[in-house]
Amino acid sequence: MSMHRVRVKQQASMSVMKKAMDTGEQQGEFINKMLETSGPAQVQQAAHPYKGASVDLSL
C-alpha cells in the first residue's frame, strides 16, 4: 500500500513539474514573439517610458 502511495506522489509531482515547464516555455515563446513584432522604437519606449511623454513649449 505504501509503495502505491509513493508512486502516486511521484506521478503527481512529475505532472505538476511538466505543467510548470510547459507554462514557462509558452511564456518564453510569447515574449520572443512580442520582441520580434515590436520595432526598436517600441523597445526604446518600453525601456524609458517617461521620455517623450510631455513637451515644454515656451514662446
Protein backbone atom coordinates (compact mmCIF):
# COMPACT_ATOMS: atom_id res chain seq x y z
CA MET A 1 0.00 0.00 0.00
CA SER A 2 2.75 2.47 0.86
CA MET A 3 4.56 1.76 -2.44
CA HIS A 4 1.38 2.68 -4.28
CA ARG A 5 1.18 6.00 -2.39
CA VAL A 6 4.81 6.78 -3.18
CA ARG A 7 4.22 6.06 -6.86
CA VAL A 8 1.10 8.26 -6.91
CA LYS A 9 3.01 11.11 -5.23
CA GLN A 10 5.83 10.79 -7.74
CA GLN A 11 3.42 10.81 -10.65
CA ALA A 12 1.66 13.87 -9.25
CA SER A 13 4.97 15.66 -8.77
CA MET A 14 6.04 14.86 -12.31
CA SER A 15 2.71 16.07 -13.67
CA VAL A 16 3.00 19.39 -11.83
CA MET A 17 6.61 19.82 -12.97
CA LYS A 18 5.71 19.13 -16.60
CA LYS A 19 2.86 21.63 -16.41
CA ALA A 20 5.19 24.28 -14.95
CA MET A 21 7.76 23.62 -17.66
CA ASP A 22 5.10 23.89 -20.38
CA THR A 23 3.85 27.16 -18.92
CA GLY A 24 7.38 28.56 -18.78
CA GLU A 25 8.02 27.53 -22.37
CA GLN A 26 4.80 29.17 -23.53
CA GLN A 27 5.69 32.39 -21.73
CA GLY A 28 9.14 32.38 -23.30
CA GLU A 29 7.67 31.89 -26.76
CA PHE A 30 5.21 34.73 -26.13
CA ILE A 31 8.00 37.08 -25.06
CA ASN A 32 10.08 36.17 -28.10
CA LYS A 33 7.10 36.77 -30.38
CA MET A 34 6.43 40.14 -28.79
CA LEU A 35 10.07 41.18 -29.20
CA GLU A 36 10.08 40.08 -32.84
CA THR A 37 6.94 42.05 -33.70
CA SER A 38 7.98 45.23 -31.94
CA GLY A 39 10.47 47.53 -33.55
CA PRO A 40 13.39 49.34 -31.95
CA ALA A 41 11.23 52.38 -31.17
CA GLN A 42 8.81 50.30 -29.08
CA VAL A 43 11.67 48.62 -27.22
CA GLN A 44 13.25 52.03 -26.54
CA GLN A 45 9.91 53.39 -25.32
CA ALA A 46 9.47 50.40 -23.02
CA ALA A 47 12.95 50.93 -21.59
CA HIS A 48 12.33 54.65 -20.96
CA PRO A 49 8.57 55.21 -20.73
CA TYR A 50 8.91 58.70 -19.26
CA LYS A 51 10.82 60.13 -22.23
CA GLY A 52 8.74 62.00 -24.75
CA ALA A 53 5.61 61.95 -22.61
CA SER A 54 5.38 65.73 -22.47
CA VAL A 55 6.73 68.70 -24.38
CA ASP A 56 7.63 72.02 -22.76
CA LEU A 57 6.83 74.85 -25.14
CA SER A 58 7.76 78.37 -24.20
CA LEU A 59 7.38 81.29 -26.60
